[in-house]
Amino acid sequence: MDQFHATAVAYYGFGILIRGPSGSGKSDLALRLIDDDADLIADDRVVIKVVGKELRLSPPESISGLIEVRGIGVVKIKTVRDIPLCLVVELELSNQTKRMPEIKEETIKDISIPIIGINAFESSSLAKIKIVLRYLDKKIELIS
């Protein structure tokens, strides 16, 4: 069981780990996902443990249910735990985002997880995550 510097949400059963440097929009993107019916797992630090052949996300007890809302403060909200990790979202600057990238995979604790790179502050970031989740759930096909 290790802690990672990241934010995580559960979105329709999919655990999403959001990574990026400070100020890259991790909490901001998580708030938009929460506003669209996601549940907070953890903000700023996430506990990842191996259970069988999957990774599970939970909040560290010390910050469970807390999320920083920049410009407002730290807010206490409902949180969930022990959610399977399905997608890593790596936050990047908009000038770094490739036009037609492949969905890559990253190995965390010897388990392969899909990873995408997006800019958290683009208005389409939420829609992009939804499309990737539909693809991973085999509900749509990626043609590129």
C-alpha atoms as a PDB file:
ATOM      1  CA  MET A   1       0.000   0.000   0.000  1.00  0.00           C
ATOM      2  CA  ASP A   2       1.633   3.237  -1.202  1.00  0.00           C
ATOM      3  CA  GLN A   3       0.604   6.884  -1.350  1.00  0.00           C
ATOM      4  CA  PHE A   4       0.829   8.798  -4.628  1.00  0.00           C
ATOM      5  CA  HIS A   5       0.722  12.558  -5.181  1.00  0.00           C
ATOM      6  CA  ALA A   6      -2.481  12.703  -7.236  1.00  0.00           C
ATOM      7  CA  THR A   7      -6.238  13.213  -7.062  1.00  0.00           C
ATOM      8  CA  ALA A   8      -8.736  10.416  -7.665  1.00  0.00           C
ATOM      9  CA  VAL A   9     -12.442  10.109  -8.379  1.00  0.00           C
ATOM     10  CA  ALA A  10     -14.869   7.270  -9.010  1.00  0.00           C
ATOM     11  CA  TYR A  11     -16.850   7.940 -12.171  1.00  0.00           C
ATOM     12  CA  TYR A  12     -19.619   5.440 -12.943  1.00  0.00           C
ATOM     13  CA  GLY A  13     -17.573   2.652 -11.369  1.00  0.00           C
ATOM     14  CA  PHE A  14     -14.295   3.667 -13.017  1.00  0.00           C
ATOM     15  CA  GLY A  15     -11.483   4.757 -10.720  1.00  0.00           C
ATOM     16  CA  ILE A  16      -9.621   7.668 -12.316  1.00  0.00           C
ATOM     17  CA  LEU A  17      -6.215   8.789 -11.051  1.00  0.00           C
ATOM     18  CA  ILE A  18      -5.446  12.402 -12.023  1.00  0.00           C
ATOM     19  CA  ARG A  19      -1.745  13.320 -11.967  1.00  0.00           C
ATOM     20  CA  GLY A  20       0.192  16.466 -12.715  1.00  0.00           C
ATOM     21  CA  PRO A  21       2.343  19.142 -11.129  1.00  0.00           C
ATOM     22  CA  SER A  22       0.996  21.577  -8.560  1.00  0.00           C
ATOM     23  CA  GLY A  23      -1.383  24.050 -10.208  1.00  0.00           C
ATOM     24  CA  SER A  24      -1.990  21.830 -13.267  1.00  0.00           C
ATOM     25  CA  GLY A  25      -5.704  21.452 -12.489  1.00  0.00           C
ATOM     26  CA  LYS A  26      -6.011  18.120 -10.653  1.00  0.00           C
ATOM     27  CA  SER A  27      -8.568  19.361  -8.128  1.00  0.00           C
ATOM     28  CA  ASP A  28     -10.282  21.576 -10.716  1.00  0.00           C
ATOM     29  CA  LEU A  29     -10.836  18.627 -13.058  1.00  0.00           C
ATOM     30  CA  ALA A  30     -11.967  16.455 -10.144  1.00  0.00           C
ATOM     31  CA  LEU A  31     -14.533  19.126  -9.173  1.00  0.00           C
ATOM     32  CA  ARG A  32     -15.965  19.144 -12.700  1.00  0.00           C
ATOM     33  CA  LEU A  33     -16.179  15.348 -12.646  1.00  0.00           C
ATOM     34  CA  ILE A  34     -17.857  15.485  -9.211  1.00  0.00           C
ATOM     35  CA  ASP A  35     -20.307  18.058 -10.566  1.00  0.00           C
ATOM     36  CA  ASP A  36     -21.099  15.444 -13.251  1.00  0.00           C
ATOM     37  CA  ASP A  37     -21.904  12.693 -10.667  1.00  0.00           C
ATOM     38  CA  ALA A  38     -18.416  11.380  -9.863  1.00  0.00           C
ATOM     39  CA  ASP A  39     -17.493  10.694  -6.234  1.00  0.00           C
ATOM     40  CA  LEU A  40     -14.295  11.920  -4.619  1.00  0.00           C
ATOM     41  CA  ILE A  41     -11.817   9.247  -3.635  1.00  0.00           C
ATOM     42  CA  ALA A  42      -8.986  11.559  -2.558  1.00  0.00           C
ATOM     43  CA  ASP A  43      -7.474  14.959  -3.308  1.00  0.00           C
ATOM     44  CA  ASP A  44      -3.716  15.594  -3.331  1.00  0.00           C
ATOM     45  CA  ARG A  45      -2.674  12.154  -2.067  1.00  0.00           C
ATOM     46  CA  VAL A  46      -4.121   8.752  -2.959  1.00  0.00           C
ATOM     47  CA  VAL A  47      -3.491   5.347  -1.418  1.00  0.00           C
ATOM     48  CA  ILE A  48      -3.016   2.612  -4.032  1.00  0.00           C
ATOM     49  CA  LYS A  49      -2.983  -1.039  -3.046  1.00  0.00           C
ATOM     50  CA  VAL A  50      -2.911  -4.276  -5.018  1.00  0.00           C
ATOM     51  CA  VAL A  51      -5.934  -6.530  -4.567  1.00  0.00           C
ATOM     52  CA  GLY A  52      -5.681  -9.690  -6.673  1.00  0.00           C
ATOM     53  CA  LYS A  53      -4.903  -8.510 -10.200  1.00  0.00           C
ATOM     54  CA  GLU A  54      -6.154  -4.949  -9.830  1.00  0.00           C
ATOM     55  CA  LEU A  55      -5.169  -1.704  -8.166  1.00  0.00           C
ATOM     56  CA  ARG A  56      -7.566  -0.155  -5.663  1.00  0.00           C
ATOM     57  CA  LEU A  57      -7.786   3.556  -4.799  1.00  0.00           C
ATOM     58  CA  SER A  58      -8.616   4.950  -1.349  1.00  0.00           C
ATOM     59  CA  PRO A  59      -8.041   8.189   0.554  1.00  0.00           C
ATOM     60  CA  PRO A  60      -5.418   8.513   3.273  1.00  0.00           C
ATOM     61  CA  GLU A  61      -7.329   8.733   6.563  1.00  0.00           C
ATOM     62  CA  SER A  62      -5.819  12.131   7.404  1.00  0.00           C
ATOM     63  CA  ILE A  63      -7.427  13.858   4.371  1.00  0.00           C
ATOM     64  CA  SER A  64     -10.439  11.630   3.716  1.00  0.00           C
ATOM     65  CA  GLY A  65     -13.362  13.650   2.333  1.00  0.00           C
ATOM     66  CA  LEU A  66     -11.378  16.867   1.875  1.00  0.00           C
ATOM     67  CA  ILE A  67     -10.857  18.664  -1.432  1.00  0.00           C
ATOM     68  CA  GLU A  68      -9.191  21.995  -2.100  1.00  0.00           C
ATOM     69  CA  VAL A  69     -11.361  24.394  -4.060  1.00  0.00           C
ATOM     70  CA  ARG A  70      -8.920  27.048  -5.236  1.00  0.00           C
ATOM     71  CA  GLY A  71     -10.236  30.505  -4.429  1.00  0.00           C
ATOM     72  CA  ILE A  72     -12.717  29.144  -1.862  1.00  0.00           C
ATOM     73  CA  GLY A  73     -10.831  26.869   0.521  1.00  0.00           C
ATOM     74  CA  VAL A  74     -10.855  23.257   1.689  1.00  0.00           C
ATOM     75  CA  VAL A  75     -14.292  21.649   1.539  1.00  0.00           C
ATOM     76  CA  LYS A  76     -15.525  18.441   3.201  1.00  0.00           C
ATOM     77  CA  ILE A  77     -17.565  16.213   0.866  1.00  0.00           C
ATOM     78  CA  LYS A  78     -18.671  12.593   0.587  1.00  0.00           C
ATOM     79  CA  THR A  79     -15.889  10.203  -0.343  1.00  0.00           C
ATOM     80  CA  VAL A  80     -15.643   6.600  -1.505  1.00  0.00           C
ATOM     81  CA  ARG A  81     -12.876   4.064  -1.080  1.00  0.00           C
ATOM     82  CA  ASP A  82     -11.504   0.805  -2.427  1.00  0.00           C
ATOM     83  CA  ILE A  83     -12.344   1.670  -6.055  1.00  0.00           C
ATOM     84  CA  PRO A  84     -10.609  -0.205  -8.922  1.00  0.00           C
ATOM     85  CA  LEU A  85      -8.175   1.965 -10.891  1.00  0.00           C
ATOM     86  CA  CYS A  86      -9.221   1.983 -14.574  1.00  0.00           C
ATOM     87  CA  LEU A  87      -7.580   5.097 -16.053  1.00  0.00           C
ATOM     88  CA  VAL A  88      -4.684   7.457 -15.379  1.00  0.00           C
ATOM     89  CA  VAL A  89      -5.135  11.038 -16.597  1.00  0.00           C
ATOM     90  CA  GLU A  90      -1.790  12.829 -16.928  1.00  0.00           C
ATOM     91  CA  LEU A  91      -2.305  16.591 -17.012  1.00  0.00           C
ATOM     92  CA  GLU A  92      -0.238  18.557 -19.498  1.00  0.00           C
ATOM     93  CA  LEU A  93      -0.087  22.011 -21.028  1.00  0.00           C
ATOM     94  CA  SER A  94      -2.324  22.528 -24.062  1.00  0.00           C
ATOM     95  CA  ASN A  95       0.653  23.074 -26.352  1.00  0.00           C
ATOM     96  CA  GLN A  96       1.915  19.597 -25.359  1.00  0.00           C
ATOM     97  CA  THR A  97      -1.314  17.744 -26.168  1.00  0.00           C
ATOM     98  CA  LYS A  98      -0.965  15.679 -29.311  1.00  0.00           C
ATOM     99  CA  ARG A  99      -3.704  15.940 -31.898  1.00  0.00           C
ATOM    100  CA  MET A 100      -4.114  12.183 -32.513  1.00  0.00           C
ATOM    101  CA  PRO A 101      -2.368  10.335 -29.654  1.00  0.00           C
ATOM    102  CA  GLU A 102      -2.703   6.663 -28.866  1.00  0.00           C
ATOM    103  CA  ILE A 103      -4.093   5.550 -25.549  1.00  0.00           C
ATOM    104  CA  LYS A 104      -0.961   4.242 -23.895  1.00  0.00           C
ATOM    105  CA  GLU A 105      -0.488   1.988 -20.910  1.00  0.00           C
ATOM    106  CA  GLU A 106       1.571   2.474 -17.776  1.00  0.00           C
ATOM    107  CA  THR A 107       2.664  -0.176 -15.326  1.00  0.00           C
ATOM    108  CA  ILE A 108       1.957   0.576 -11.677  1.00  0.00           C
ATOM    109  CA  LYS A 109       2.932  -2.139  -9.203  1.00  0.00           C
ATOM    110  CA  ASP A 110       3.258  -4.633 -12.092  1.00  0.00           C
ATOM    111  CA  ILE A 111      -0.298  -3.934 -13.324  1.00  0.00           C
ATOM    112  CA  SER A 112      -0.912  -2.257 -16.689  1.00  0.00           C
ATOM    113  CA  ILE A 113      -3.323   0.716 -16.681  1.00  0.00           C
ATOM    114  CA  PRO A 114      -4.473   2.892 -19.633  1.00  0.00           C
ATOM    115  CA  ILE A 115      -3.119   6.457 -19.544  1.00  0.00           C
ATOM    116  CA  ILE A 116      -4.113   9.583 -21.471  1.00  0.00           C
ATOM    117  CA  GLY A 117      -2.665  13.095 -21.510  1.00  0.00           C
ATOM    118  CA  ILE A 118      -5.017  16.080 -21.506  1.00  0.00           C
ATOM    119  CA  ASN A 119      -5.119  19.720 -20.422  1.00  0.00           C
ATOM    120  CA  ALA A 120      -7.402  20.034 -17.381  1.00  0.00           C
ATOM    121  CA  PHE A 121      -8.399  23.593 -18.255  1.00  0.00           C
ATOM    122  CA  GLU A 122      -9.682  22.908 -21.778  1.00  0.00           C
ATOM    123  CA  SER A 123     -13.460  23.003 -21.889  1.00  0.00           C
ATOM    124  CA  SER A 124     -13.474  19.585 -23.584  1.00  0.00           C
ATOM    125  CA  SER A 125     -11.457  17.778 -20.871  1.00  0.00           C
ATOM    126  CA  LEU A 126     -14.527  16.209 -19.239  1.00  0.00           C
ATOM    127  CA  ALA A 127     -15.903  15.065 -22.615  1.00  0.00           C
ATOM    128  CA  LYS A 128     -12.519  13.540 -23.522  1.00  0.00           C
ATOM    129  CA  ILE A 129     -12.471  11.491 -20.320  1.00  0.00           C
ATOM    130  CA  LYS A 130     -16.034  10.282 -20.997  1.00  0.00           C
ATOM    131  CA  ILE A 131     -15.075   9.196 -24.519  1.00  0.00           C
ATOM    132  CA  VAL A 132     -12.040   7.256 -23.262  1.00  0.00           C
ATOM    133  CA  LEU A 133     -14.129   5.537 -20.588  1.00  0.00           C
ATOM    134  CA  ARG A 134     -16.728   4.544 -23.195  1.00  0.00           C
ATOM    135  CA  TYR A 135     -13.902   3.168 -25.333  1.00  0.00           C
ATOM    136  CA  LEU A 136     -12.449   1.204 -22.396  1.00  0.00           C
ATOM    137  CA  ASP A 137     -15.952  -0.131 -21.640  1.00  0.00           C
ATOM    138  CA  LYS A 138     -16.157  -1.225 -25.313  1.00  0.00           C
ATOM    139  CA  LYS A 139     -19.178   0.994 -25.994  1.00  0.00           C
ATOM    140  CA  ILE A 140     -17.457   2.943 -28.786  1.00  0.00           C
ATOM    141  CA  GLU A 141     -14.648   2.272 -31.219  1.00  0.00           C
ATOM    142  CA  LEU A 142     -11.556   4.416 -31.705  1.00  0.00           C
ATOM    143  CA  ILE A 143     -10.675   4.683 -35.383  1.00  0.00           C
ATOM    144  CA  SER A 144      -7.264   6.395 -35.280  1.00  0.00           C
END
